Amino acid sequence: MHFENLSTTLLFIGLALVLSAISIFYAFVLFQKIKKIKVGHERIEEIASYIHDGAMAFMRRQYRIIIYFALIVGGLLAMTEFKLCPVS
């Protein structure tokens, strides 16, 4: 393959996509490995369920904040694009 025909930006984007795919595959493999481990103690499973519930509540709150932020920033960007909001 001749790399001199590719732009540097395209090369970096391709590299980022390949490395991202490798990272996602590795995370999936680790997830499968961890899911196979059996927990033999009932109290540990109970504590794990409490941690999971707390983590999910945290994530719901974070996603709500991110959605509001994205909508506000997107609205401001749209207003500046259509000249509805003056930019200094």
C-alpha atoms as a PDB file:
ATOM      1  CA  MET A   1       0.000   0.000   0.000  1.00  0.00           C
ATOM      2  CA  HIS A   2       1.286   3.434  -0.895  1.00  0.00           C
ATOM      3  CA  PHE A   3       0.916   5.826   2.020  1.00  0.00           C
ATOM      4  CA  GLU A   4       2.158   8.880   0.128  1.00  0.00           C
ATOM      5  CA  ASN A   5      -1.246   9.152  -1.573  1.00  0.00           C
ATOM      6  CA  LEU A   6      -3.078   9.408   1.766  1.00  0.00           C
ATOM      7  CA  SER A   7      -3.330  12.615   3.679  1.00  0.00           C
ATOM      8  CA  THR A   8      -1.977  12.714   7.211  1.00  0.00           C
ATOM      9  CA  THR A   9      -5.422  13.432   8.619  1.00  0.00           C
ATOM     10  CA  LEU A  10      -6.935  10.420   6.896  1.00  0.00           C
ATOM     11  CA  LEU A  11      -4.093   8.253   8.148  1.00  0.00           C
ATOM     12  CA  PHE A  12      -4.627   9.377  11.750  1.00  0.00           C
ATOM     13  CA  ILE A  13      -8.393   8.896  11.494  1.00  0.00           C
ATOM     14  CA  GLY A  14      -7.865   5.369  10.184  1.00  0.00           C
ATOM     15  CA  LEU A  15      -5.370   4.629  12.947  1.00  0.00           C
ATOM     16  CA  ALA A  16      -7.775   5.947  15.570  1.00  0.00           C
ATOM     17  CA  LEU A  17     -10.590   3.783  14.201  1.00  0.00           C
ATOM     18  CA  VAL A  18      -8.429   0.644  14.179  1.00  0.00           C
ATOM     19  CA  LEU A  19      -7.140   1.247  17.706  1.00  0.00           C
ATOM     20  CA  SER A  20     -10.678   1.965  18.909  1.00  0.00           C
ATOM     21  CA  ALA A  21     -11.928  -1.301  17.432  1.00  0.00           C
ATOM     22  CA  ILE A  22      -9.083  -3.211  19.093  1.00  0.00           C
ATOM     23  CA  SER A  23      -9.859  -1.545  22.433  1.00  0.00           C
ATOM     24  CA  ILE A  24     -13.560  -2.369  22.218  1.00  0.00           C
ATOM     25  CA  PHE A  25     -12.761  -5.988  21.328  1.00  0.00           C
ATOM     26  CA  TYR A  26     -10.358  -6.252  24.282  1.00  0.00           C
ATOM     27  CA  ALA A  27     -12.972  -4.784  26.644  1.00  0.00           C
ATOM     28  CA  PHE A  28     -15.513  -7.322  25.347  1.00  0.00           C
ATOM     29  CA  VAL A  29     -13.084 -10.204  25.932  1.00  0.00           C
ATOM     30  CA  LEU A  30     -12.404  -9.007  29.487  1.00  0.00           C
ATOM     31  CA  PHE A  31     -16.139  -8.608  30.115  1.00  0.00           C
ATOM     32  CA  GLN A  32     -16.800 -12.173  28.995  1.00  0.00           C
ATOM     33  CA  LYS A  33     -13.958 -13.464  31.171  1.00  0.00           C
ATOM     34  CA  ILE A  34     -15.266 -11.652  34.246  1.00  0.00           C
ATOM     35  CA  LYS A  35     -18.869 -12.777  33.637  1.00  0.00           C
ATOM     36  CA  LYS A  36     -17.733 -16.419  33.766  1.00  0.00           C
ATOM     37  CA  ILE A  37     -16.415 -16.058  37.333  1.00  0.00           C
ATOM     38  CA  LYS A  38     -18.972 -17.467  39.772  1.00  0.00           C
ATOM     39  CA  VAL A  39     -19.559 -15.808  43.128  1.00  0.00           C
ATOM     40  CA  GLY A  40     -20.265 -18.420  45.749  1.00  0.00           C
ATOM     41  CA  HIS A  41     -21.266 -16.219  48.647  1.00  0.00           C
ATOM     42  CA  GLU A  42     -24.757 -14.742  48.972  1.00  0.00           C
ATOM     43  CA  ARG A  43     -23.641 -11.634  50.900  1.00  0.00           C
ATOM     44  CA  ILE A  44     -21.180 -10.685  48.147  1.00  0.00           C
ATOM     45  CA  GLU A  45     -23.960 -10.878  45.560  1.00  0.00           C
ATOM     46  CA  GLU A  46     -26.164  -8.687  47.767  1.00  0.00           C
ATOM     47  CA  ILE A  47     -23.451  -6.042  48.108  1.00  0.00           C
ATOM     48  CA  ALA A  48     -22.789  -6.226  44.358  1.00  0.00           C
ATOM     49  CA  SER A  49     -26.472  -5.553  43.672  1.00  0.00           C
ATOM     50  CA  TYR A  50     -26.351  -2.468  45.932  1.00  0.00           C
ATOM     51  CA  ILE A  51     -23.275  -1.198  44.090  1.00  0.00           C
ATOM     52  CA  HIS A  52     -24.983  -1.822  40.750  1.00  0.00           C
ATOM     53  CA  ASP A  53     -28.122   0.040  41.823  1.00  0.00           C
ATOM     54  CA  GLY A  54     -26.061   3.004  43.010  1.00  0.00           C
ATOM     55  CA  ALA A  55     -24.001   3.065  39.823  1.00  0.00           C
ATOM     56  CA  MET A  56     -27.110   2.991  37.649  1.00  0.00           C
ATOM     57  CA  ALA A  57     -28.675   5.861  39.631  1.00  0.00           C
ATOM     58  CA  PHE A  58     -25.452   7.845  39.173  1.00  0.00           C
ATOM     59  CA  MET A  59     -25.404   7.146  35.428  1.00  0.00           C
ATOM     60  CA  ARG A  60     -29.044   8.203  35.004  1.00  0.00           C
ATOM     61  CA  ARG A  61     -28.253  11.514  36.685  1.00  0.00           C
ATOM     62  CA  GLN A  62     -25.115  12.034  34.597  1.00  0.00           C
ATOM     63  CA  TYR A  63     -26.935  11.310  31.343  1.00  0.00           C
ATOM     64  CA  ARG A  64     -29.675  13.771  32.275  1.00  0.00           C
ATOM     65  CA  ILE A  65     -27.075  16.487  32.879  1.00  0.00           C
ATOM     66  CA  ILE A  66     -25.231  15.655  29.647  1.00  0.00           C
ATOM     67  CA  ILE A  67     -28.464  15.809  27.641  1.00  0.00           C
ATOM     68  CA  TYR A  68     -29.321  19.262  29.002  1.00  0.00           C
ATOM     69  CA  PHE A  69     -25.768  20.479  28.342  1.00  0.00           C
ATOM     70  CA  ALA A  70     -25.762  19.099  24.781  1.00  0.00           C
ATOM     71  CA  LEU A  71     -29.145  20.673  24.023  1.00  0.00           C
ATOM     72  CA  ILE A  72     -28.036  24.083  25.316  1.00  0.00           C
ATOM     73  CA  VAL A  73     -24.705  24.010  23.473  1.00  0.00           C
ATOM     74  CA  GLY A  74     -26.390  22.711  20.317  1.00  0.00           C
ATOM     75  CA  GLY A  75     -28.995  25.462  20.549  1.00  0.00           C
ATOM     76  CA  LEU A  76     -26.341  28.132  20.990  1.00  0.00           C
ATOM     77  CA  LEU A  77     -24.346  26.779  18.052  1.00  0.00           C
ATOM     78  CA  ALA A  78     -27.477  26.729  15.903  1.00  0.00           C
ATOM     79  CA  MET A  79     -28.311  30.313  16.877  1.00  0.00           C
ATOM     80  CA  THR A  80     -24.801  31.518  16.001  1.00  0.00           C
ATOM     81  CA  GLU A  81     -24.936  29.635  12.692  1.00  0.00           C
ATOM     82  CA  PHE A  82     -28.232  31.258  11.728  1.00  0.00           C
ATOM     83  CA  LYS A  83     -27.154  34.678  13.097  1.00  0.00           C
ATOM     84  CA  LEU A  84     -29.848  34.655  15.800  1.00  0.00           C
ATOM     85  CA  CYS A  85     -27.286  35.255  18.543  1.00  0.00           C
ATOM     86  CA  PRO A  86     -24.552  37.881  18.121  1.00  0.00           C
ATOM     87  CA  VAL A  87     -21.014  36.626  18.618  1.00  0.00           C
ATOM     88  CA  SER A  88     -18.469  38.978  20.198  1.00  0.00           C
END
